[in-house]
Amino acid sequence: MRRKLTKSLEELIQENKKELLGDKQALEKIDKRIEKRHEFKKLA
């Protein structure tokens, strides 16, 4: 039982890391979109 518990905890940690990476990538995409909008305003 104890081994199973530690394994499931490690799996949860890995899942959380993947979710955090996904969030980070999503934030970077949003930042890029904002930058593009600012560039268009500068050109206009």
PDB file of N, CA and C in Angstrom:
ATOM      1  N   MET A   1       0.823  -1.209   0.000  1.00  0.00           N
ATOM      2  CA  MET A   1       0.000   0.000   0.000  1.00  0.00           C
ATOM      3  C   MET A   1       0.858   1.261   0.000  1.00  0.00           C
ATOM      4  N   ARG A   2       1.910   1.250   0.804  1.00  0.00           N
ATOM      5  CA  ARG A   2       2.717   2.453   0.915  1.00  0.00           C
ATOM      6  C   ARG A   2       3.372   2.801  -0.429  1.00  0.00           C
ATOM      7  N   ARG A   3       3.871   1.772  -1.128  1.00  0.00           N
ATOM      8  CA  ARG A   3       4.477   2.021  -2.434  1.00  0.00           C
ATOM      9  C   ARG A   3       3.471   2.631  -3.398  1.00  0.00           C
ATOM     10  N   LYS A   4       2.266   2.104  -3.364  1.00  0.00           N
ATOM     11  CA  LYS A   4       1.228   2.609  -4.257  1.00  0.00           C
ATOM     12  C   LYS A   4       0.934   4.084  -3.949  1.00  0.00           C
ATOM     13  N   LEU A   5       0.915   4.410  -2.664  1.00  0.00           N
ATOM     14  CA  LEU A   5       0.651   5.791  -2.273  1.00  0.00           C
ATOM     15  C   LEU A   5       1.730   6.731  -2.800  1.00  0.00           C
ATOM     16  N   THR A   6       3.002   6.364  -2.592  1.00  0.00           N
ATOM     17  CA  THR A   6       4.074   7.251  -3.040  1.00  0.00           C
ATOM     18  C   THR A   6       4.049   7.388  -4.556  1.00  0.00           C
ATOM     19  N   LYS A   7       3.735   6.294  -5.251  1.00  0.00           N
ATOM     20  CA  LYS A   7       3.694   6.358  -6.710  1.00  0.00           C
ATOM     21  C   LYS A   7       2.587   7.300  -7.165  1.00  0.00           C
ATOM     22  N   SER A   8       1.420   7.190  -6.546  1.00  0.00           N
ATOM     23  CA  SER A   8       0.315   8.050  -6.949  1.00  0.00           C
ATOM     24  C   SER A   8       0.648   9.517  -6.648  1.00  0.00           C
ATOM     25  N   LEU A   9       1.356   9.764  -5.553  1.00  0.00           N
ATOM     26  CA  LEU A   9       1.768  11.137  -5.249  1.00  0.00           C
ATOM     27  C   LEU A   9       2.711  11.655  -6.321  1.00  0.00           C
ATOM     28  N   GLU A  10       3.674  10.830  -6.733  1.00  0.00           N
ATOM     29  CA  GLU A  10       4.598  11.247  -7.786  1.00  0.00           C
ATOM     30  C   GLU A  10       3.850  11.523  -9.080  1.00  0.00           C
ATOM     31  N   GLU A  11       2.862  10.677  -9.387  1.00  0.00           N
ATOM     32  CA  GLU A  11       2.070  10.889 -10.600  1.00  0.00           C
ATOM     33  C   GLU A  11       1.305  12.205 -10.518  1.00  0.00           C
ATOM     34  N   LEU A  12       0.747  12.487  -9.347  1.00  0.00           N
ATOM     35  CA  LEU A  12       0.021  13.748  -9.169  1.00  0.00           C
ATOM     36  C   LEU A  12       0.951  14.941  -9.378  1.00  0.00           C
ATOM     37  N   ILE A  13       2.161  14.851  -8.823  1.00  0.00           N
ATOM     38  CA  ILE A  13       3.132  15.936  -8.976  1.00  0.00           C
ATOM     39  C   ILE A  13       3.460  16.136 -10.458  1.00  0.00           C
ATOM     40  N   GLN A  14       3.674  15.033 -11.183  1.00  0.00           N
ATOM     41  CA  GLN A  14       3.977  15.145 -12.615  1.00  0.00           C
ATOM     42  C   GLN A  14       2.814  15.768 -13.368  1.00  0.00           C
ATOM     43  N   GLU A  15       1.583  15.370 -13.034  1.00  0.00           N
ATOM     44  CA  GLU A  15       0.412  15.950 -13.692  1.00  0.00           C
ATOM     45  C   GLU A  15       0.339  17.448 -13.418  1.00  0.00           C
ATOM     46  N   ASN A  16       0.611  17.839 -12.174  1.00  0.00           N
ATOM     47  CA  ASN A  16       0.593  19.261 -11.827  1.00  0.00           C
ATOM     48  C   ASN A  16       1.654  20.018 -12.614  1.00  0.00           C
ATOM     49  N   LYS A  17       2.848  19.423 -12.756  1.00  0.00           N
ATOM     50  CA  LYS A  17       3.911  20.075 -13.520  1.00  0.00           C
ATOM     51  C   LYS A  17       3.485  20.263 -14.972  1.00  0.00           C
ATOM     52  N   LYS A  18       2.837  19.235 -15.543  1.00  0.00           N
ATOM     53  CA  LYS A  18       2.364  19.344 -16.930  1.00  0.00           C
ATOM     54  C   LYS A  18       1.341  20.459 -17.052  1.00  0.00           C
ATOM     55  N   GLU A  19       0.424  20.545 -16.081  1.00  0.00           N
ATOM     56  CA  GLU A  19      -0.588  21.599 -16.108  1.00  0.00           C
ATOM     57  C   GLU A  19       0.068  22.968 -15.989  1.00  0.00           C
ATOM     58  N   LEU A  20       1.069  23.087 -15.123  1.00  0.00           N
ATOM     59  CA  LEU A  20       1.770  24.357 -14.969  1.00  0.00           C
ATOM     60  C   LEU A  20       2.471  24.741 -16.263  1.00  0.00           C
ATOM     61  N   LEU A  21       3.106  23.765 -16.923  1.00  0.00           N
ATOM     62  CA  LEU A  21       3.756  24.037 -18.201  1.00  0.00           C
ATOM     63  C   LEU A  21       2.729  24.518 -19.215  1.00  0.00           C
ATOM     64  N   GLY A  22       1.577  23.874 -19.248  1.00  0.00           N
ATOM     65  CA  GLY A  22       0.515  24.280 -20.169  1.00  0.00           C
ATOM     66  C   GLY A  22       0.063  25.700 -19.883  1.00  0.00           C
ATOM     67  N   ASP A  23      -0.091  26.038 -18.600  1.00  0.00           N
ATOM     68  CA  ASP A  23      -0.484  27.390 -18.220  1.00  0.00           C
ATOM     69  C   ASP A  23       0.572  28.388 -18.665  1.00  0.00           C
ATOM     70  N   LYS A  24       1.848  28.038 -18.482  1.00  0.00           N
ATOM     71  CA  LYS A  24       2.937  28.931 -18.861  1.00  0.00           C
ATOM     72  C   LYS A  24       2.911  29.190 -20.369  1.00  0.00           C
ATOM     73  N   GLN A  25       2.704  28.127 -21.149  1.00  0.00           N
ATOM     74  CA  GLN A  25       2.644  28.273 -22.602  1.00  0.00           C
ATOM     75  C   GLN A  25       1.453  29.134 -23.003  1.00  0.00           C
ATOM     76  N   ALA A  26       0.322  28.951 -22.340  1.00  0.00           N
ATOM     77  CA  ALA A  26      -0.865  29.749 -22.647  1.00  0.00           C
ATOM     78  C   ALA A  26      -0.604  31.222 -22.347  1.00  0.00           C
ATOM     79  N   LEU A  27       0.044  31.505 -21.222  1.00  0.00           N
ATOM     80  CA  LEU A  27       0.372  32.889 -20.873  1.00  0.00           C
ATOM     81  C   LEU A  27       1.316  33.493 -21.903  1.00  0.00           C
ATOM     82  N   GLU A  28       2.298  32.710 -22.378  1.00  0.00           N
ATOM     83  CA  GLU A  28       3.223  33.213 -23.386  1.00  0.00           C
ATOM     84  C   GLU A  28       2.483  33.548 -24.674  1.00  0.00           C
ATOM     85  N   LYS A  29       1.510  32.722 -25.065  1.00  0.00           N
ATOM     86  CA  LYS A  29       0.721  32.996 -26.270  1.00  0.00           C
ATOM     87  C   LYS A  29      -0.043  34.299 -26.108  1.00  0.00           C
ATOM     88  N   ILE A  30      -0.642  34.503 -24.932  1.00  0.00           N
ATOM     89  CA  ILE A  30      -1.395  35.732 -24.666  1.00  0.00           C
ATOM     90  C   ILE A  30      -0.455  36.936 -24.746  1.00  0.00           C
ATOM     91  N   ASP A  31       0.742  36.813 -24.160  1.00  0.00           N
ATOM     92  CA  ASP A  31       1.714  37.902 -24.212  1.00  0.00           C
ATOM     93  C   ASP A  31       2.063  38.238 -25.654  1.00  0.00           C
ATOM     94  N   LYS A  32       2.261  37.219 -26.495  1.00  0.00           N
ATOM     95  CA  LYS A  32       2.603  37.453 -27.894  1.00  0.00           C
ATOM     96  C   LYS A  32       1.472  38.165 -28.619  1.00  0.00           C
ATOM     97  N   ARG A  33       0.230  37.775 -28.335  1.00  0.00           N
ATOM     98  CA  ARG A  33      -0.919  38.433 -28.970  1.00  0.00           C
ATOM     99  C   ARG A  33      -0.963  39.903 -28.586  1.00  0.00           C
ATOM    100  N   ILE A  34      -0.717  40.186 -27.306  1.00  0.00           N
ATOM    101  CA  ILE A  34      -0.732  41.574 -26.829  1.00  0.00           C
ATOM    102  C   ILE A  34       0.375  42.362 -27.534  1.00  0.00           C
ATOM    103  N   GLU A  35       1.569  41.753 -27.659  1.00  0.00           N
ATOM    104  CA  GLU A  35       2.675  42.428 -28.337  1.00  0.00           C
ATOM    105  C   GLU A  35       2.309  42.742 -29.779  1.00  0.00           C
ATOM    106  N   LYS A  36       1.674  41.793 -30.473  1.00  0.00           N
ATOM    107  CA  LYS A  36       1.281  42.015 -31.868  1.00  0.00           C
ATOM    108  C   LYS A  36       0.312  43.182 -31.965  1.00  0.00           C
ATOM    109  N   ARG A  37      -0.643  43.256 -31.051  1.00  0.00           N
ATOM    110  CA  ARG A  37      -1.611  44.357 -31.071  1.00  0.00           C
ATOM    111  C   ARG A  37      -0.901  45.689 -30.890  1.00  0.00           C
ATOM    112  N   HIS A  38       0.066  45.734 -29.994  1.00  0.00           N
ATOM    113  CA  HIS A  38       0.812  46.974 -29.767  1.00  0.00           C
ATOM    114  C   HIS A  38       1.596  47.356 -31.008  1.00  0.00           C
ATOM    115  N   GLU A  39       2.160  46.360 -31.712  1.00  0.00           N
ATOM    116  CA  GLU A  39       2.904  46.646 -32.934  1.00  0.00           C
ATOM    117  C   GLU A  39       1.986  47.252 -33.987  1.00  0.00           C
ATOM    118  N   PHE A  40       0.764  46.714 -34.119  1.00  0.00           N
ATOM    119  CA  PHE A  40      -0.179  47.259 -35.096  1.00  0.00           C
ATOM    120  C   PHE A  40      -0.526  48.706 -34.754  1.00  0.00           C
ATOM    121  N   LYS A  41      -0.691  49.003 -33.473  1.00  0.00           N
ATOM    122  CA  LYS A  41      -1.008  50.371 -33.065  1.00  0.00           C
ATOM    123  C   LYS A  41       0.150  51.304 -33.401  1.00  0.00           C
ATOM    124  N   LYS A  42       1.383  50.830 -33.235  1.00  0.00           N
ATOM    125  CA  LYS A  42       2.550  51.653 -33.558  1.00  0.00           C
ATOM    126  C   LYS A  42       2.601  51.941 -35.055  1.00  0.00           C
ATOM    127  N   LEU A  43       2.286  50.931 -35.871  1.00  0.00           N
ATOM    128  CA  LEU A  43       2.335  51.094 -37.322  1.00  0.00           C
ATOM    129  C   LEU A  43       1.221  52.011 -37.812  1.00  0.00           C
ATOM    130  N   ALA A  44       0.048  51.963 -37.188  1.00  0.00           N
ATOM    131  CA  ALA A  44      -1.106  52.738 -37.644  1.00  0.00           C
ATOM    132  C   ALA A  44      -0.923  54.234 -37.419  1.00  0.00           C
TER     133      ALA A  44
END
